[in-house]
């Protein structure tokens, strides 16, 4: 993901506010995507995702490993596709 983001001139961040966090933030121009990566039992978005999406105008939020997005599908999808 990081290499692909660099090729497409995207920025990659990690976000944390007190005990709330988002694993990856992708930014392309003014478009922002928040990404949580889950493993084990917790498959739903955590409070950090909710707080981040409320504070910033996100284009999309993804929970990788959740019910709708498998790790395999996430890794096989080119990073620029999430911005379309």
PDB file of N, CA and C in Angstrom:
ATOM      1  N   UNK A   1       0.823  -1.174   0.000  1.00  0.00           N
ATOM      2  CA  UNK A   1       0.000   0.000   0.000  1.00  0.00           C
ATOM      3  C   UNK A   1       0.879   1.254   0.000  1.00  0.00           C
ATOM      4  N   UNK A   2       1.896   1.270   0.810  1.00  0.00           N
ATOM      5  CA  UNK A   2       2.756   2.449   0.896  1.00  0.00           C
ATOM      6  C   UNK A   2       3.458   2.714  -0.438  1.00  0.00           C
ATOM      7  N   UNK A   3       4.007   1.684  -1.053  1.00  0.00           N
ATOM      8  CA  UNK A   3       4.680   1.872  -2.339  1.00  0.00           C
ATOM      9  C   UNK A   3       3.709   2.374  -3.401  1.00  0.00           C
ATOM     10  N   UNK A   4       2.529   1.801  -3.441  1.00  0.00           N
ATOM     11  CA  UNK A   4       1.524   2.215  -4.411  1.00  0.00           C
ATOM     12  C   UNK A   4       1.086   3.658  -4.154  1.00  0.00           C
ATOM     13  N   UNK A   5       0.940   4.018  -2.901  1.00  0.00           N
ATOM     14  CA  UNK A   5       0.557   5.392  -2.556  1.00  0.00           C
ATOM     15  C   UNK A   5       1.625   6.378  -3.025  1.00  0.00           C
ATOM     16  N   UNK A   6       2.875   6.034  -2.855  1.00  0.00           N
ATOM     17  CA  UNK A   6       3.961   6.916  -3.296  1.00  0.00           C
ATOM     18  C   UNK A   6       3.959   7.089  -4.810  1.00  0.00           C
ATOM     19  N   UNK A   7       3.709   5.997  -5.537  1.00  0.00           N
ATOM     20  CA  UNK A   7       3.655   6.058  -7.001  1.00  0.00           C
ATOM     21  C   UNK A   7       2.538   6.995  -7.462  1.00  0.00           C
ATOM     22  N   UNK A   8       1.425   7.014  -6.739  1.00  0.00           N
ATOM     23  CA  UNK A   8       0.269   7.833  -7.111  1.00  0.00           C
ATOM     24  C   UNK A   8       0.254   9.190  -6.392  1.00  0.00           C
ATOM     25  N   UNK A   9       1.389   9.574  -5.817  1.00  0.00           N
ATOM     26  CA  UNK A   9       1.542  10.872  -5.142  1.00  0.00           C
ATOM     27  C   UNK A   9       0.513  11.068  -4.027  1.00  0.00           C
ATOM     28  N   UNK A  10       0.279  10.015  -3.249  1.00  0.00           N
ATOM     29  CA  UNK A  10      -0.629  10.073  -2.106  1.00  0.00           C
ATOM     30  C   UNK A  10       0.195  10.141  -0.831  1.00  0.00           C
ATOM     31  N   UNK A  11      -0.415  10.694   0.198  1.00  0.00           N
ATOM     32  CA  UNK A  11       0.239  10.733   1.503  1.00  0.00           C
ATOM     33  C   UNK A  11      -0.390   9.665   2.389  1.00  0.00           C
ATOM     34  N   UNK A  12       0.442   9.078   3.259  1.00  0.00           N
ATOM     35  CA  UNK A  12      -0.021   8.044   4.183  1.00  0.00           C
ATOM     36  C   UNK A  12       0.295   8.502   5.603  1.00  0.00           C
ATOM     37  N   UNK A  13      -0.720   8.441   6.462  1.00  0.00           N
ATOM     38  CA  UNK A  13      -0.569   8.872   7.849  1.00  0.00           C
ATOM     39  C   UNK A  13      -1.097   7.810   8.799  1.00  0.00           C
ATOM     40  N   UNK A  14      -0.740   7.978  10.048  1.00  0.00           N
ATOM     41  CA  UNK A  14      -1.331   7.261  11.183  1.00  0.00           C
ATOM     42  C   UNK A  14      -1.966   8.355  12.031  1.00  0.00           C
ATOM     43  N   UNK A  15      -3.161   8.104  12.583  1.00  0.00           N
ATOM     44  CA  UNK A  15      -3.833   9.128  13.381  1.00  0.00           C
ATOM     45  C   UNK A  15      -4.133   8.607  14.775  1.00  0.00           C
ATOM     46  N   UNK A  16      -3.875   9.460  15.764  1.00  0.00           N
ATOM     47  CA  UNK A  16      -4.157   9.105  17.159  1.00  0.00           C
ATOM     48  C   UNK A  16      -4.578  10.358  17.914  1.00  0.00           C
ATOM     49  N   UNK A  17      -5.602  10.198  18.739  1.00  0.00           N
ATOM     50  CA  UNK A  17      -6.077  11.262  19.618  1.00  0.00           C
ATOM     51  C   UNK A  17      -6.395  10.601  20.948  1.00  0.00           C
ATOM     52  N   UNK A  18      -5.549  10.831  21.942  1.00  0.00           N
ATOM     53  CA  UNK A  18      -5.662  10.159  23.254  1.00  0.00           C
ATOM     54  C   UNK A  18      -5.614   8.650  23.030  1.00  0.00           C
ATOM     55  N   UNK A  19      -6.671   7.927  23.392  1.00  0.00           N
ATOM     56  CA  UNK A  19      -6.650   6.470  23.227  1.00  0.00           C
ATOM     57  C   UNK A  19      -7.395   6.013  21.974  1.00  0.00           C
ATOM     58  N   UNK A  20      -7.743   6.940  21.096  1.00  0.00           N
ATOM     59  CA  UNK A  20      -8.428   6.599  19.846  1.00  0.00           C
ATOM     60  C   UNK A  20      -7.436   6.707  18.700  1.00  0.00           C
ATOM     61  N   UNK A  21      -7.508   5.747  17.770  1.00  0.00           N
ATOM     62  CA  UNK A  21      -6.554   5.735  16.668  1.00  0.00           C
ATOM     63  C   UNK A  21      -7.168   5.154  15.407  1.00  0.00           C
ATOM     64  N   UNK A  22      -6.545   5.495  14.279  1.00  0.00           N
ATOM     65  CA  UNK A  22      -6.879   4.913  12.982  1.00  0.00           C
ATOM     66  C   UNK A  22      -5.557   4.425  12.404  1.00  0.00           C
ATOM     67  N   UNK A  23      -5.556   3.188  11.916  1.00  0.00           N
ATOM     68  CA  UNK A  23      -4.309   2.565  11.461  1.00  0.00           C
ATOM     69  C   UNK A  23      -3.653   3.291  10.293  1.00  0.00           C
ATOM     70  N   UNK A  24      -4.436   3.620   9.268  1.00  0.00           N
ATOM     71  CA  UNK A  24      -3.887   4.293   8.091  1.00  0.00           C
ATOM     72  C   UNK A  24      -4.846   5.370   7.616  1.00  0.00           C
ATOM     73  N   UNK A  25      -4.275   6.499   7.231  1.00  0.00           N
ATOM     74  CA  UNK A  25      -5.008   7.568   6.581  1.00  0.00           C
ATOM     75  C   UNK A  25      -4.327   7.779   5.233  1.00  0.00           C
ATOM     76  N   UNK A  26      -5.084   7.649   4.151  1.00  0.00           N
ATOM     77  CA  UNK A  26      -4.566   7.925   2.817  1.00  0.00           C
ATOM     78  C   UNK A  26      -5.143   9.250   2.361  1.00  0.00           C
ATOM     79  N   UNK A  27      -4.294  10.104   1.788  1.00  0.00           N
ATOM     80  CA  UNK A  27      -4.765  11.383   1.288  1.00  0.00           C
ATOM     81  C   UNK A  27      -4.283  11.591  -0.132  1.00  0.00           C
ATOM     82  N   UNK A  28      -5.234  11.915  -0.989  1.00  0.00           N
ATOM     83  CA  UNK A  28      -4.946  12.258  -2.380  1.00  0.00           C
ATOM     84  C   UNK A  28      -5.650  13.577  -2.653  1.00  0.00           C
ATOM     85  N   UNK A  29      -4.895  14.651  -2.703  1.00  0.00           N
ATOM     86  CA  UNK A  29      -5.512  15.971  -2.822  1.00  0.00           C
ATOM     87  C   UNK A  29      -6.345  16.245  -1.584  1.00  0.00           C
ATOM     88  N   UNK A  30      -7.613  16.571  -1.780  1.00  0.00           N
ATOM     89  CA  UNK A  30      -8.507  16.828  -0.652  1.00  0.00           C
ATOM     90  C   UNK A  30      -9.289  15.586  -0.231  1.00  0.00           C
ATOM     91  N   UNK A  31      -9.096  14.485  -0.932  1.00  0.00           N
ATOM     92  CA  UNK A  31      -9.803  13.252  -0.606  1.00  0.00           C
ATOM     93  C   UNK A  31      -9.037  12.484   0.471  1.00  0.00           C
ATOM     94  N   UNK A  32      -9.786  11.989   1.469  1.00  0.00           N
ATOM     95  CA  UNK A  32      -9.186  11.282   2.602  1.00  0.00           C
ATOM     96  C   UNK A  32      -9.901   9.953   2.807  1.00  0.00           C
ATOM     97  N   UNK A  33      -9.106   8.893   2.982  1.00  0.00           N
ATOM     98  CA  UNK A  33      -9.638   7.568   3.282  1.00  0.00           C
ATOM     99  C   UNK A  33      -9.050   7.101   4.606  1.00  0.00           C
ATOM    100  N   UNK A  34      -9.921   6.674   5.513  1.00  0.00           N
ATOM    101  CA  UNK A  34      -9.500   6.130   6.812  1.00  0.00           C
ATOM    102  C   UNK A  34      -9.564   4.606   6.719  1.00  0.00           C
ATOM    103  N   UNK A  35      -8.506   3.938   7.170  1.00  0.00           N
ATOM    104  CA  UNK A  35      -8.422   2.474   7.070  1.00  0.00           C
ATOM    105  C   UNK A  35      -8.090   1.877   8.427  1.00  0.00           C
ATOM    106  N   UNK A  36      -8.927   0.978   8.877  1.00  0.00           N
ATOM    107  CA  UNK A  36      -8.690   0.181  10.091  1.00  0.00           C
ATOM    108  C   UNK A  36      -8.406  -1.244   9.653  1.00  0.00           C
ATOM    109  N   UNK A  37      -7.386  -1.847  10.208  1.00  0.00           N
ATOM    110  CA  UNK A  37      -7.059  -3.237   9.915  1.00  0.00           C
ATOM    111  C   UNK A  37      -7.351  -4.052  11.168  1.00  0.00           C
ATOM    112  N   UNK A  38      -8.227  -5.038  11.027  1.00  0.00           N
ATOM    113  CA  UNK A  38      -8.659  -5.858  12.160  1.00  0.00           C
ATOM    114  C   UNK A  38      -8.168  -7.291  11.996  1.00  0.00           C
ATOM    115  N   UNK A  39      -7.840  -7.882  13.118  1.00  0.00           N
ATOM    116  CA  UNK A  39      -7.498  -9.304  13.135  1.00  0.00           C
ATOM    117  C   UNK A  39      -8.095  -9.905  14.388  1.00  0.00           C
ATOM    118  N   UNK A  40      -8.215 -11.195  14.432  1.00  0.00           N
ATOM    119  CA  UNK A  40      -8.769 -11.844  15.618  1.00  0.00           C
ATOM    120  C   UNK A  40     -10.257 -11.618  15.756  1.00  0.00           C
ATOM    121  N   UNK A  41     -10.713 -11.408  16.982  1.00  0.00           N
ATOM    122  CA  UNK A  41     -12.134 -11.335  17.283  1.00  0.00           C
ATOM    123  C   UNK A  41     -12.782 -10.010  16.861  1.00  0.00           C
ATOM    124  N   UNK A  42     -12.106  -8.900  17.027  1.00  0.00           N
ATOM    125  CA  UNK A  42     -12.712  -7.593  16.744  1.00  0.00           C
ATOM    126  C   UNK A  42     -12.733  -7.338  15.240  1.00  0.00           C
ATOM    127  N   UNK A  43     -13.917  -7.383  14.643  1.00  0.00           N
ATOM    128  CA  UNK A  43     -14.041  -7.193  13.206  1.00  0.00           C
ATOM    129  C   UNK A  43     -14.765  -5.898  12.854  1.00  0.00           C
ATOM    130  N   UNK A  44     -15.214  -5.160  13.822  1.00  0.00           N
ATOM    131  CA  UNK A  44     -15.943  -3.921  13.585  1.00  0.00           C
ATOM    132  C   UNK A  44     -15.017  -2.725  13.797  1.00  0.00           C
ATOM    133  N   UNK A  45     -15.420  -1.599  13.245  1.00  0.00           N
ATOM    134  CA  UNK A  45     -14.642  -0.367  13.416  1.00  0.00           C
ATOM    135  C   UNK A  45     -14.588   0.011  14.895  1.00  0.00           C
ATOM    136  N   UNK A  46     -13.491   0.560  15.298  1.00  0.00           N
ATOM    137  CA  UNK A  46     -13.290   0.991  16.671  1.00  0.00           C
ATOM    138  C   UNK A  46     -13.664   2.461  16.817  1.00  0.00           C
ATOM    139  N   UNK A  47     -13.780   2.961  18.050  1.00  0.00           N
ATOM    140  CA  UNK A  47     -14.179   4.353  18.274  1.00  0.00           C
ATOM    141  C   UNK A  47     -13.298   5.378  17.561  1.00  0.00           C
ATOM    142  N   UNK A  48     -12.031   5.049  17.354  1.00  0.00           N
ATOM    143  CA  UNK A  48     -11.144   5.986  16.677  1.00  0.00           C
ATOM    144  C   UNK A  48     -11.618   6.324  15.274  1.00  0.00           C
ATOM    145  N   UNK A  49     -12.123   5.332  14.571  1.00  0.00           N
ATOM    146  CA  UNK A  49     -12.625   5.549  13.212  1.00  0.00           C
ATOM    147  C   UNK A  49     -13.800   6.523  13.240  1.00  0.00           C
ATOM    148  N   UNK A  50     -14.702   6.358  14.184  1.00  0.00           N
ATOM    149  CA  UNK A  50     -15.873   7.225  14.302  1.00  0.00           C
ATOM    150  C   UNK A  50     -15.446   8.661  14.596  1.00  0.00           C
ATOM    151  N   UNK A  51     -14.538   8.828  15.545  1.00  0.00           N
ATOM    152  CA  UNK A  51     -14.067  10.171  15.913  1.00  0.00           C
ATOM    153  C   UNK A  51     -13.355  10.827  14.728  1.00  0.00           C
ATOM    154  N   UNK A  52     -12.485  10.087  14.075  1.00  0.00           N
ATOM    155  CA  UNK A  52     -11.750  10.643  12.931  1.00  0.00           C
ATOM    156  C   UNK A  52     -12.713  11.086  11.831  1.00  0.00           C
ATOM    157  N   UNK A  53     -13.667  10.230  11.492  1.00  0.00           N
ATOM    158  CA  UNK A  53     -14.614  10.546  10.417  1.00  0.00           C
ATOM    159  C   UNK A  53     -15.512  11.727  10.771  1.00  0.00           C
ATOM    160  N   UNK A  54     -15.775  11.919  12.048  1.00  0.00           N
ATOM    161  CA  UNK A  54     -16.560  13.082  12.472  1.00  0.00           C
ATOM    162  C   UNK A  54     -15.740  14.370  12.397  1.00  0.00           C
ATOM    163  N   UNK A  55     -14.451  14.286  12.692  1.00  0.00           N
ATOM    164  CA  UNK A  55     -13.593  15.471  12.716  1.00  0.00           C
ATOM    165  C   UNK A  55     -13.126  15.898  11.327  1.00  0.00           C
ATOM    166  N   UNK A  56     -12.956  14.930  10.422  1.00  0.00           N
ATOM    167  CA  UNK A  56     -12.414  15.208   9.098  1.00  0.00           C
ATOM    168  C   UNK A  56     -13.406  14.724   8.045  1.00  0.00           C
ATOM    169  N   UNK A  57     -13.465  15.434   6.974  1.00  0.00           N
ATOM    170  CA  UNK A  57     -14.374  15.042   5.894  1.00  0.00           C
ATOM    171  C   UNK A  57     -13.731  13.891   5.114  1.00  0.00           C
ATOM    172  N   UNK A  58     -14.107  12.672   5.449  1.00  0.00           N
ATOM    173  CA  UNK A  58     -13.517  11.512   4.791  1.00  0.00           C
ATOM    174  C   UNK A  58     -14.314  11.144   3.537  1.00  0.00           C
ATOM    175  N   UNK A  59     -13.580  10.733   2.528  1.00  0.00           N
ATOM    176  CA  UNK A  59     -14.186  10.264   1.296  1.00  0.00           C
ATOM    177  C   UNK A  59     -14.721   8.852   1.486  1.00  0.00           C
ATOM    178  N   UNK A  60     -14.002   8.068   2.301  1.00  0.00           N
ATOM    179  CA  UNK A  60     -14.330   6.661   2.492  1.00  0.00           C
ATOM    180  C   UNK A  60     -13.689   6.179   3.777  1.00  0.00           C
ATOM    181  N   UNK A  61     -14.334   5.245   4.450  1.00  0.00           N
ATOM    182  CA  UNK A  61     -13.700   4.561   5.580  1.00  0.00           C
ATOM    183  C   UNK A  61     -13.794   3.063   5.325  1.00  0.00           C
ATOM    184  N   UNK A  62     -12.688   2.379   5.557  1.00  0.00           N
ATOM    185  CA  UNK A  62     -12.602   0.936   5.297  1.00  0.00           C
ATOM    186  C   UNK A  62     -12.208   0.202   6.562  1.00  0.00           C
ATOM    187  N   UNK A  63     -12.853  -0.936   6.804  1.00  0.00           N
ATOM    188  CA  UNK A  63     -12.447  -1.839   7.883  1.00  0.00           C
ATOM    189  C   UNK A  63     -11.964  -3.109   7.207  1.00  0.00           C
ATOM    190  N   UNK A  64     -10.664  -3.262   7.132  1.00  0.00           N
ATOM    191  CA  UNK A  64     -10.055  -4.426   6.491  1.00  0.00           C
ATOM    192  C   UNK A  64     -10.100  -5.589   7.470  1.00  0.00           C
ATOM    193  N   UNK A  65     -10.618  -6.711   7.010  1.00  0.00           N
ATOM    194  CA  UNK A  65     -10.781  -7.867   7.882  1.00  0.00           C
ATOM    195  C   UNK A  65     -12.160  -7.872   8.516  1.00  0.00           C
ATOM    196  N   UNK A  66     -12.964  -6.880   8.180  1.00  0.00           N
ATOM    197  CA  UNK A  66     -14.334  -6.808   8.673  1.00  0.00           C
ATOM    198  C   UNK A  66     -15.251  -7.649   7.806  1.00  0.00           C
ATOM    199  N   UNK A  67     -16.529  -7.503   8.017  1.00  0.00           N
ATOM    200  CA  UNK A  67     -17.514  -8.329   7.317  1.00  0.00           C
ATOM    201  C   UNK A  67     -17.541  -8.085   5.813  1.00  0.00           C
ATOM    202  N   UNK A  68     -17.274  -6.861   5.369  1.00  0.00           N
ATOM    203  CA  UNK A  68     -17.427  -6.548   3.955  1.00  0.00           C
ATOM    204  C   UNK A  68     -16.133  -6.424   3.161  1.00  0.00           C
ATOM    205  N   UNK A  69     -14.990  -6.480   3.822  1.00  0.00           N
ATOM    206  CA  UNK A  69     -13.726  -6.302   3.114  1.00  0.00           C
ATOM    207  C   UNK A  69     -12.664  -7.245   3.671  1.00  0.00           C
ATOM    208  N   UNK A  70     -12.405  -8.298   2.938  1.00  0.00           N
ATOM    209  CA  UNK A  70     -11.379  -9.254   3.369  1.00  0.00           C
ATOM    210  C   UNK A  70      -9.990  -8.659   3.134  1.00  0.00           C
ATOM    211  N   UNK A  71      -9.026  -9.169   3.850  1.00  0.00           N
ATOM    212  CA  UNK A  71      -7.640  -8.743   3.675  1.00  0.00           C
ATOM    213  C   UNK A  71      -7.203  -9.008   2.238  1.00  0.00           C
ATOM    214  N   UNK A  72      -7.571 -10.157   1.703  1.00  0.00           N
ATOM    215  CA  UNK A  72      -7.195 -10.519   0.334  1.00  0.00           C
ATOM    216  C   UNK A  72      -7.730  -9.498  -0.673  1.00  0.00           C
ATOM    217  N   UNK A  73      -9.016  -9.154  -0.559  1.00  0.00           N
ATOM    218  CA  UNK A  73      -9.599  -8.181  -1.488  1.00  0.00           C
ATOM    219  C   UNK A  73      -8.915  -6.825  -1.353  1.00  0.00           C
ATOM    220  N   UNK A  74      -8.642  -6.407  -0.119  1.00  0.00           N
ATOM    221  CA  UNK A  74      -7.963  -5.137   0.105  1.00  0.00           C
ATOM    222  C   UNK A  74      -6.594  -5.112  -0.558  1.00  0.00           C
ATOM    223  N   UNK A  75      -5.820  -6.173  -0.368  1.00  0.00           N
ATOM    224  CA  UNK A  75      -4.465  -6.224  -0.924  1.00  0.00           C
ATOM    225  C   UNK A  75      -4.451  -6.338  -2.446  1.00  0.00           C
ATOM    226  N   UNK A  76      -5.487  -6.935  -3.018  1.00  0.00           N
ATOM    227  CA  UNK A  76      -5.551  -7.091  -4.471  1.00  0.00           C
ATOM    228  C   UNK A  76      -6.117  -5.868  -5.189  1.00  0.00           C
ATOM    229  N   UNK A  77      -6.687  -4.941  -4.450  1.00  0.00           N
ATOM    230  CA  UNK A  77      -7.262  -3.740  -5.057  1.00  0.00           C
ATOM    231  C   UNK A  77      -6.209  -2.636  -5.095  1.00  0.00           C
ATOM    232  N   UNK A  78      -5.907  -2.108  -6.298  1.00  0.00           N
ATOM    233  CA  UNK A  78      -4.933  -1.011  -6.374  1.00  0.00           C
ATOM    234  C   UNK A  78      -5.390   0.177  -5.525  1.00  0.00           C
ATOM    235  N   UNK A  79      -4.466   0.782  -4.818  1.00  0.00           N
ATOM    236  CA  UNK A  79      -4.796   1.845  -3.863  1.00  0.00           C
ATOM    237  C   UNK A  79      -5.556   3.001  -4.514  1.00  0.00           C
ATOM    238  N   UNK A  80      -5.261   3.309  -5.759  1.00  0.00           N
ATOM    239  CA  UNK A  80      -5.962   4.423  -6.414  1.00  0.00           C
ATOM    240  C   UNK A  80      -7.427   4.104  -6.705  1.00  0.00           C
ATOM    241  N   UNK A  81      -7.798   2.820  -6.720  1.00  0.00           N
ATOM    242  CA  UNK A  81      -9.200   2.430  -6.943  1.00  0.00           C
ATOM    243  C   UNK A  81     -10.096   2.882  -5.799  1.00  0.00           C
ATOM    244  N   UNK A  82      -9.577   2.957  -4.595  1.00  0.00           N
ATOM    245  CA  UNK A  82     -10.399   3.373  -3.451  1.00  0.00           C
ATOM    246  C   UNK A  82     -10.818   4.832  -3.560  1.00  0.00           C
ATOM    247  N   UNK A  83     -10.114   5.622  -4.365  1.00  0.00           N
ATOM    248  CA  UNK A  83     -10.440   7.036  -4.509  1.00  0.00           C
ATOM    249  C   UNK A  83     -11.428   7.322  -5.623  1.00  0.00           C
ATOM    250  N   UNK A  84     -11.816   6.310  -6.368  1.00  0.00           N
ATOM    251  CA  UNK A  84     -12.743   6.520  -7.504  1.00  0.00           C
ATOM    252  C   UNK A  84     -14.179   6.451  -7.077  1.00  0.00           C
TER     253      UNK A  84
END
